[in-house]
Amino acid sequence: MFFVAAVAVLIALALAVARALAGPTVFDRLVAANSIGNGAILLLAVFGFMTGRPEFLDLGILYALLNIVGTLAVLKYFRFGDLGHRGGEEPTP
């Protein structure tokens, strides 16, 4: 059962990688990269249960937090052009 789930997640990851490479806009690529991160988290969880080591879920939670922070950093960079921008005021063109 877990093997079928792992294959399904790998297929979804392959489709997300194809979308990241073919995405016409930066935001399409960002959503695809976020989906790749979520797929990696699912793959970690499935692998942990396949091997009888559910502590892989802890690694998945850590990777999810890094995925969220990375996504927010990329969005801030594309909005303001600088990661050190305080926010509150409009970006300079």
Protein backbone atom coordinates (compact mmCIF):
# COMPACT_ATOMS: atom_id res chain seq x y z
CA MET A 1 0.00 0.00 0.00
CA PHE A 2 2.78 2.45 0.89
CA PHE A 3 4.63 1.51 -2.29
CA VAL A 4 1.66 2.62 -4.41
CA ALA A 5 1.51 5.88 -2.46
CA ALA A 6 5.24 6.46 -3.01
CA VAL A 7 4.86 5.89 -6.76
CA ALA A 8 1.90 8.30 -6.88
CA VAL A 9 3.91 10.97 -5.04
CA LEU A 10 6.86 10.47 -7.41
CA ILE A 11 4.55 10.92 -10.41
CA ALA A 12 3.15 14.10 -8.87
CA LEU A 13 6.72 15.33 -8.26
CA ALA A 14 7.63 14.67 -11.88
CA LEU A 15 4.62 16.67 -13.05
CA ALA A 16 5.52 19.52 -10.70
CA VAL A 17 9.10 19.58 -12.00
CA ALA A 18 7.78 19.72 -15.56
CA ARG A 19 5.53 22.63 -14.57
CA ALA A 20 8.42 24.43 -12.89
CA LEU A 21 10.50 24.15 -16.05
CA ALA A 22 7.69 25.15 -18.42
CA GLY A 23 5.92 27.77 -16.31
CA PRO A 24 5.49 30.99 -18.27
CA THR A 25 5.64 33.30 -15.25
CA VAL A 26 7.74 33.45 -12.11
CA PHE A 27 4.69 32.86 -9.96
CA ASP A 28 3.84 29.64 -11.83
CA ARG A 29 7.35 28.45 -11.14
CA LEU A 30 7.05 29.46 -7.49
CA VAL A 31 3.83 27.50 -7.05
CA ALA A 32 5.45 24.51 -8.75
CA ALA A 33 8.49 24.79 -6.46
CA ASN A 34 6.19 24.91 -3.45
CA SER A 35 4.39 21.82 -4.75
CA ILE A 36 7.74 20.06 -5.14
CA GLY A 37 8.49 20.87 -1.50
CA ASN A 38 5.13 19.51 -0.40
CA GLY A 39 5.69 16.37 -2.46
CA ALA A 40 9.08 15.89 -0.84
CA ILE A 41 7.42 16.13 2.57
CA LEU A 42 4.87 13.50 1.56
CA LEU A 43 7.63 11.29 0.20
CA LEU A 44 9.53 11.59 3.49
CA ALA A 45 6.42 10.58 5.42
CA VAL A 46 5.67 7.60 3.16
CA PHE A 47 9.31 6.47 3.24
CA GLY A 48 9.31 6.71 7.03
CA PHE A 49 6.25 4.51 7.31
CA MET A 50 7.55 2.06 4.70
CA THR A 51 10.74 1.54 6.72
CA GLY A 52 8.99 1.53 10.09
CA ARG A 53 10.63 4.77 11.22
CA PRO A 54 7.89 7.38 11.75
CA GLU A 55 10.46 9.86 13.11
CA PHE A 56 10.89 10.94 9.49
CA LEU A 57 7.75 13.00 10.14
CA ASP A 58 9.88 15.30 12.29
CA LEU A 59 12.12 15.94 9.30
CA GLY A 60 9.03 16.55 7.19
CA ILE A 61 7.74 19.16 9.62
CA LEU A 62 11.12 20.92 9.62
CA TYR A 63 11.20 20.88 5.82
CA ALA A 64 7.66 22.29 5.71
CA LEU A 65 8.72 25.22 7.88
CA LEU A 66 11.72 25.86 5.64
CA ASN A 67 9.44 25.65 2.60
CA ILE A 68 7.11 28.32 4.02
CA VAL A 69 9.97 30.66 4.95
CA GLY A 70 11.60 30.19 1.55
CA THR A 71 8.36 30.91 -0.29
CA LEU A 72 7.78 34.08 1.71
CA ALA A 73 11.36 35.22 1.10
CA VAL A 74 11.02 34.73 -2.67
CA LEU A 75 7.71 36.58 -2.72
CA LYS A 76 9.20 39.47 -0.73
CA TYR A 77 12.17 39.63 -3.08
CA PHE A 78 9.95 39.79 -6.16
CA ARG A 79 7.69 42.39 -4.54
CA PHE A 80 10.36 44.76 -3.22
CA GLY A 81 13.55 43.69 -5.03
CA ASP A 82 15.36 43.45 -1.70
CA LEU A 83 15.08 41.08 1.24
CA GLY A 84 16.10 43.82 3.68
CA HIS A 85 13.06 45.98 2.90
CA ARG A 86 11.08 46.80 6.05
CA GLY A 87 7.66 46.84 4.40
CA GLY A 88 4.88 49.30 5.00
CA GLU A 89 5.84 51.67 2.20
CA GLU A 90 5.38 51.05 -1.49
CA PRO A 91 8.27 49.59 -3.50
CA THR A 92 10.34 51.92 -5.62
CA PRO A 93 10.13 51.19 -9.35
